[in-house]
Amino acid sequence: MASDPVCKMNVDEKTAKWTSEHEGTTYYFCAEGCKEDFEDNPDWFLKGGGTTSHRC
């Protein structure tokens, strides 16, 4: 299981519908909204930032 970097939900890498590549690493998301938020500012989420517009 992977952890969605936006909302921290567990996501199964084998069945994840939403993914994104950043600096050679694949990230997995529970919902399209989390993927979009991440892609807007990936470094912020990877440094531990959270979202105030949770869209899962």
Protein backbone atom coordinates (compact mmCIF):
# COMPACT_ATOMS: atom_id res chain seq x y z
CA MET A 1 0.00 0.00 0.00
CA ALA A 2 1.09 3.52 -0.76
CA SER A 3 0.16 6.65 1.14
CA ASP A 4 -1.62 9.42 -0.79
CA PRO A 5 0.73 12.40 -0.22
CA VAL A 6 -2.20 14.82 -0.03
CA CYS A 7 -4.70 13.20 2.33
CA LYS A 8 -2.53 10.36 3.70
CA MET A 9 -5.10 7.67 2.83
CA ASN A 10 -3.77 4.21 1.96
CA VAL A 11 -3.91 3.45 -1.76
CA ASP A 12 -3.31 0.07 -3.38
CA GLU A 13 -0.68 0.56 -6.06
CA LYS A 14 -2.10 -2.32 -8.11
CA THR A 15 -5.58 -0.80 -8.42
CA ALA A 16 -4.90 2.93 -8.11
CA LYS A 17 -6.83 4.88 -10.72
CA TRP A 18 -4.86 8.13 -10.23
CA THR A 19 -1.07 8.38 -10.31
CA SER A 20 1.48 11.08 -10.95
CA GLU A 21 5.22 11.06 -11.63
CA HIS A 22 7.44 13.59 -9.86
CA GLU A 23 11.23 13.59 -10.08
CA GLY A 24 11.31 9.91 -11.06
CA THR A 25 8.93 8.67 -8.36
CA THR A 26 5.35 7.50 -8.88
CA TYR A 27 2.77 8.76 -6.39
CA TYR A 28 -0.65 7.20 -5.90
CA PHE A 29 -3.89 9.01 -5.08
CA CYS A 30 -7.29 8.05 -3.70
CA ALA A 31 -9.14 10.58 -5.86
CA GLU A 32 -8.66 12.88 -8.83
CA GLY A 33 -8.87 15.95 -6.59
CA CYS A 34 -5.89 14.80 -4.53
CA LYS A 35 -3.91 14.16 -7.72
CA GLU A 36 -4.73 17.64 -9.02
CA ASP A 37 -3.80 19.29 -5.72
CA PHE A 38 -0.48 17.42 -5.68
CA GLU A 39 0.35 18.36 -9.26
CA ASP A 40 -0.28 22.04 -8.46
CA ASN A 41 2.43 22.03 -5.76
CA PRO A 42 4.14 18.64 -5.28
CA ASP A 43 7.09 19.88 -3.25
CA TRP A 44 4.81 21.40 -0.64
CA PHE A 45 2.96 18.12 -0.09
CA LEU A 46 6.18 16.10 -0.06
CA LYS A 47 7.54 18.36 2.69
CA GLY A 48 4.54 17.46 4.87
CA GLY A 49 2.00 20.05 3.79
CA GLY A 50 -1.65 19.17 3.93
CA THR A 51 -4.63 20.45 2.08
CA THR A 52 -7.42 22.69 3.27
CA SER A 53 -9.53 21.82 0.23
CA HIS A 54 -9.78 18.08 0.80
CA ARG A 55 -11.59 16.66 -2.21
CA CYS A 56 -11.49 12.89 -1.67
